[in-house]
Amino acid sequence: MSEADIGLFALRLFLATLLVGHALQKTIGWFRGMGLNKTAEVFESWGFHPGRFQVGLAATCELLGATPLATGLLTRVGCATVIGTMIVAAAPNTVNGLWAHLGGCEVPVTYAAIAACLAFTGPGSISIDNAAGLPDAGALGAVAAIVIGVLAAVPPLLNRRRALRIHPSRSARPVEERD
């Protein structure tokens, strides 16, 4: 076991822990989260309808992405799930730019980038993938995970776009232009 494998294991666990935390904030209000009902209102204002279902879907995707990352089992599937979920999560805040302190999309972009990097590195030797002797698909597997993640984000983003055309949202304007 090398230092790189320990680093990959720590990075996988770190990202998985953050994803679980976000899921718990959305659904049950832990870690100063808003919980299901208030988060559903925010999701609806962003064009994600119906809000409660979309919150549940987002939290489920975060958990389904976190589990393979934490265990190192089917790691690239977890990476694809995180990438797709975070692309969708970034969408409402792109109007505010990148930086989180300005209401931007920095956090989901960072999570998606980490997942994309992990897709390229693979899980390392401290993983069920390695222990089970699952073959490493290399760069092709990484590119496939990224493409699948991007493609998975398209339907919810199109639905959001359609919803915002019908009922324009206050969140569709930059933070400094909102009332």
Protein backbone atom coordinates (compact mmCIF):
# COMPACT_ATOMS: atom_id res chain seq x y z
CA MET A 1 0.00 0.00 0.00
CA SER A 2 1.48 3.31 -1.12
CA GLU A 3 1.01 6.85 0.09
CA ALA A 4 -0.95 7.51 -3.12
CA ASP A 5 -3.39 4.71 -2.25
CA ILE A 6 -3.87 6.15 1.23
CA GLY A 7 -4.45 9.59 -0.32
CA LEU A 8 -7.02 8.21 -2.78
CA PHE A 9 -8.80 6.37 0.02
CA ALA A 10 -8.89 9.55 2.14
CA LEU A 11 -10.13 11.63 -0.80
CA ARG A 12 -12.86 9.10 -1.62
CA LEU A 13 -14.01 9.05 2.02
CA PHE A 14 -13.88 12.83 2.28
CA LEU A 15 -16.05 13.37 -0.81
CA ALA A 16 -18.44 10.59 0.22
CA THR A 17 -18.84 12.14 3.68
CA LEU A 18 -19.61 15.56 2.23
CA LEU A 19 -22.18 14.04 -0.14
CA VAL A 20 -23.90 12.19 2.70
CA GLY A 21 -23.93 15.41 4.72
CA HIS A 22 -25.62 17.29 1.88
CA ALA A 23 -28.23 14.55 1.51
CA LEU A 24 -28.99 14.73 5.24
CA GLN A 25 -29.22 18.53 5.16
CA LYS A 26 -31.80 18.36 2.38
CA THR A 27 -33.93 15.58 3.79
CA ILE A 28 -33.85 15.74 7.58
CA GLY A 29 -32.25 19.09 8.32
CA TRP A 30 -29.05 17.84 9.93
CA PHE A 31 -25.91 20.01 9.83
CA ARG A 32 -27.94 23.25 9.71
CA GLY A 33 -29.87 22.08 6.67
CA MET A 34 -33.39 23.20 5.86
CA GLY A 35 -34.99 19.76 5.79
CA LEU A 36 -37.34 18.34 3.20
CA ASN A 37 -40.17 20.87 3.13
CA LYS A 38 -38.10 24.06 3.05
CA THR A 39 -35.59 22.56 0.62
CA ALA A 40 -38.52 21.55 -1.61
CA GLU A 41 -39.64 25.19 -1.73
CA VAL A 42 -36.14 26.24 -2.81
CA PHE A 43 -35.99 23.51 -5.44
CA GLU A 44 -39.34 24.64 -6.84
CA SER A 45 -38.13 28.25 -7.00
CA TRP A 46 -35.20 26.94 -9.05
CA GLY A 47 -37.53 25.19 -11.49
CA PHE A 48 -37.26 21.65 -10.13
CA HIS A 49 -40.84 20.34 -9.88
CA PRO A 50 -42.30 18.73 -7.87
CA GLY A 51 -40.00 19.98 -5.15
CA ARG A 52 -40.32 17.18 -2.59
CA PHE A 53 -39.72 14.50 -5.22
CA GLN A 54 -36.74 16.39 -6.65
CA VAL A 55 -35.19 16.82 -3.18
CA GLY A 56 -35.60 13.09 -2.56
CA LEU A 57 -34.09 12.31 -5.96
CA ALA A 58 -31.13 14.64 -5.36
CA ALA A 59 -30.47 13.17 -1.92
CA THR A 60 -30.77 9.63 -3.25
CA CYS A 61 -28.31 10.39 -6.03
CA GLU A 62 -25.88 11.90 -3.53
CA LEU A 63 -26.11 8.75 -1.40
CA LEU A 64 -25.86 6.46 -4.44
CA GLY A 65 -22.74 8.34 -5.52
CA ALA A 66 -21.23 8.39 -2.03
CA THR A 67 -21.57 4.66 -1.38
CA PRO A 68 -19.33 3.40 -4.22
CA LEU A 69 -16.82 6.14 -3.46
CA ALA A 70 -16.62 5.22 0.22
CA THR A 71 -16.39 1.48 -0.38
CA GLY A 72 -14.40 1.52 -3.57
CA LEU A 73 -16.90 -0.86 -5.18
CA LEU A 74 -17.83 0.15 -8.74
CA THR A 75 -16.03 3.41 -8.13
CA ARG A 76 -16.53 4.81 -11.62
CA VAL A 77 -20.31 4.24 -11.34
CA GLY A 78 -20.19 6.39 -8.20
CA CYS A 79 -18.13 9.00 -10.04
CA ALA A 80 -20.67 9.14 -12.89
CA THR A 81 -23.51 9.53 -10.39
CA VAL A 82 -21.76 12.36 -8.56
CA ILE A 83 -20.81 14.15 -11.77
CA GLY A 84 -24.38 14.09 -13.09
CA THR A 85 -25.89 15.10 -9.78
CA MET A 86 -23.46 17.97 -9.29
CA ILE A 87 -23.99 19.33 -12.80
CA VAL A 88 -27.68 19.60 -12.00
CA ALA A 89 -26.90 21.06 -8.55
CA ALA A 90 -24.67 23.73 -10.10
CA ALA A 91 -27.26 24.93 -12.61
CA PRO A 92 -29.36 27.24 -10.39
CA ASN A 93 -26.31 29.15 -9.19
CA THR A 94 -24.34 29.52 -12.42
CA VAL A 95 -25.98 32.92 -12.94
CA ASN A 96 -24.02 34.08 -9.86
CA GLY A 97 -20.66 32.92 -11.20
CA LEU A 98 -18.28 30.45 -9.61
CA TRP A 99 -17.56 31.67 -6.10
CA ALA A 100 -19.76 30.31 -3.31
CA HIS A 101 -19.57 33.45 -1.16
CA LEU A 102 -21.31 35.28 -4.01
CA GLY A 103 -23.99 32.59 -4.36
CA GLY A 104 -22.11 30.78 -7.09
CA CYS A 105 -21.73 27.15 -8.08
CA GLU A 106 -18.27 26.52 -6.59
CA VAL A 107 -19.24 23.63 -4.30
CA PRO A 108 -20.99 21.36 -6.84
CA VAL A 109 -18.36 22.18 -9.47
CA THR A 110 -15.63 21.17 -7.01
CA TYR A 111 -17.40 17.92 -6.11
CA ALA A 112 -17.91 17.06 -9.78
CA ALA A 113 -14.25 17.82 -10.54
CA ILE A 114 -13.06 15.60 -7.70
CA ALA A 115 -15.32 12.80 -8.95
CA ALA A 116 -13.94 13.22 -12.49
CA CYS A 117 -10.36 13.05 -11.17
CA LEU A 118 -11.21 9.93 -9.15
CA ALA A 119 -12.67 8.39 -12.32
CA PHE A 120 -9.24 8.77 -13.91
CA THR A 121 -7.18 7.61 -10.94
CA GLY A 122 -9.46 4.75 -10.01
CA PRO A 123 -10.05 3.83 -6.38
CA GLY A 124 -6.52 2.69 -5.52
CA SER A 125 -5.58 -0.49 -3.70
CA ILE A 126 -7.71 0.27 -0.62
CA SER A 127 -10.97 -0.64 -2.31
CA ILE A 128 -13.38 -3.47 -2.88
CA ASP A 129 -12.74 -3.09 -6.61
CA ASN A 130 -9.10 -3.98 -6.00
CA ALA A 131 -9.82 -6.72 -3.43
CA ALA A 132 -12.34 -8.35 -5.79
CA GLY A 133 -9.89 -8.17 -8.69
CA LEU A 134 -12.27 -6.14 -10.83
CA PRO A 135 -10.55 -4.99 -14.01
CA ASP A 136 -9.53 -1.36 -14.31
CA ALA A 137 -11.01 0.16 -17.45
CA GLY A 138 -8.37 2.91 -17.41
CA ALA A 139 -8.86 6.16 -19.28
CA LEU A 140 -11.70 4.71 -21.35
CA GLY A 141 -13.63 3.90 -18.16
CA ALA A 142 -12.96 7.39 -16.83
CA VAL A 143 -14.17 9.07 -20.00
CA ALA A 144 -17.24 6.80 -20.02
CA ALA A 145 -18.04 7.78 -16.41
CA ILE A 146 -17.76 11.47 -17.24
CA VAL A 147 -19.86 11.18 -20.41
CA ILE A 148 -22.54 9.15 -18.60
CA GLY A 149 -22.62 11.71 -15.78
CA VAL A 150 -23.00 14.59 -18.22
CA LEU A 151 -25.71 12.80 -20.22
CA ALA A 152 -27.61 11.90 -17.03
CA ALA A 153 -27.78 15.60 -16.15
CA VAL A 154 -29.48 16.56 -19.42
CA PRO A 155 -33.10 15.45 -18.69
CA PRO A 156 -33.46 17.25 -15.33
CA LEU A 157 -31.82 20.37 -16.77
CA LEU A 158 -34.20 20.36 -19.74
CA ASN A 159 -37.16 19.91 -17.39
CA ARG A 160 -35.91 22.82 -15.29
CA ARG A 161 -35.49 24.98 -18.36
CA ARG A 162 -39.03 24.19 -19.46
CA ALA A 163 -40.40 24.98 -15.98
CA LEU A 164 -38.55 28.30 -15.82
CA ARG A 165 -39.98 29.34 -19.18
CA ILE A 166 -43.50 28.72 -17.88
CA HIS A 167 -42.93 30.29 -14.43
CA PRO A 168 -39.79 32.47 -14.36
CA SER A 169 -38.00 32.20 -11.03
CA ARG A 170 -36.51 34.94 -8.93
CA SER A 171 -33.40 32.77 -8.66
CA ALA A 172 -32.89 33.06 -12.42
CA ARG A 173 -31.34 36.50 -11.83
CA PRO A 174 -27.95 37.21 -10.23
CA VAL A 175 -27.93 37.69 -6.45
CA GLU A 176 -27.29 41.43 -6.66
CA GLU A 177 -30.39 41.92 -8.88
CA ARG A 178 -32.82 40.09 -6.55
CA ASP A 179 -35.22 41.94 -4.25
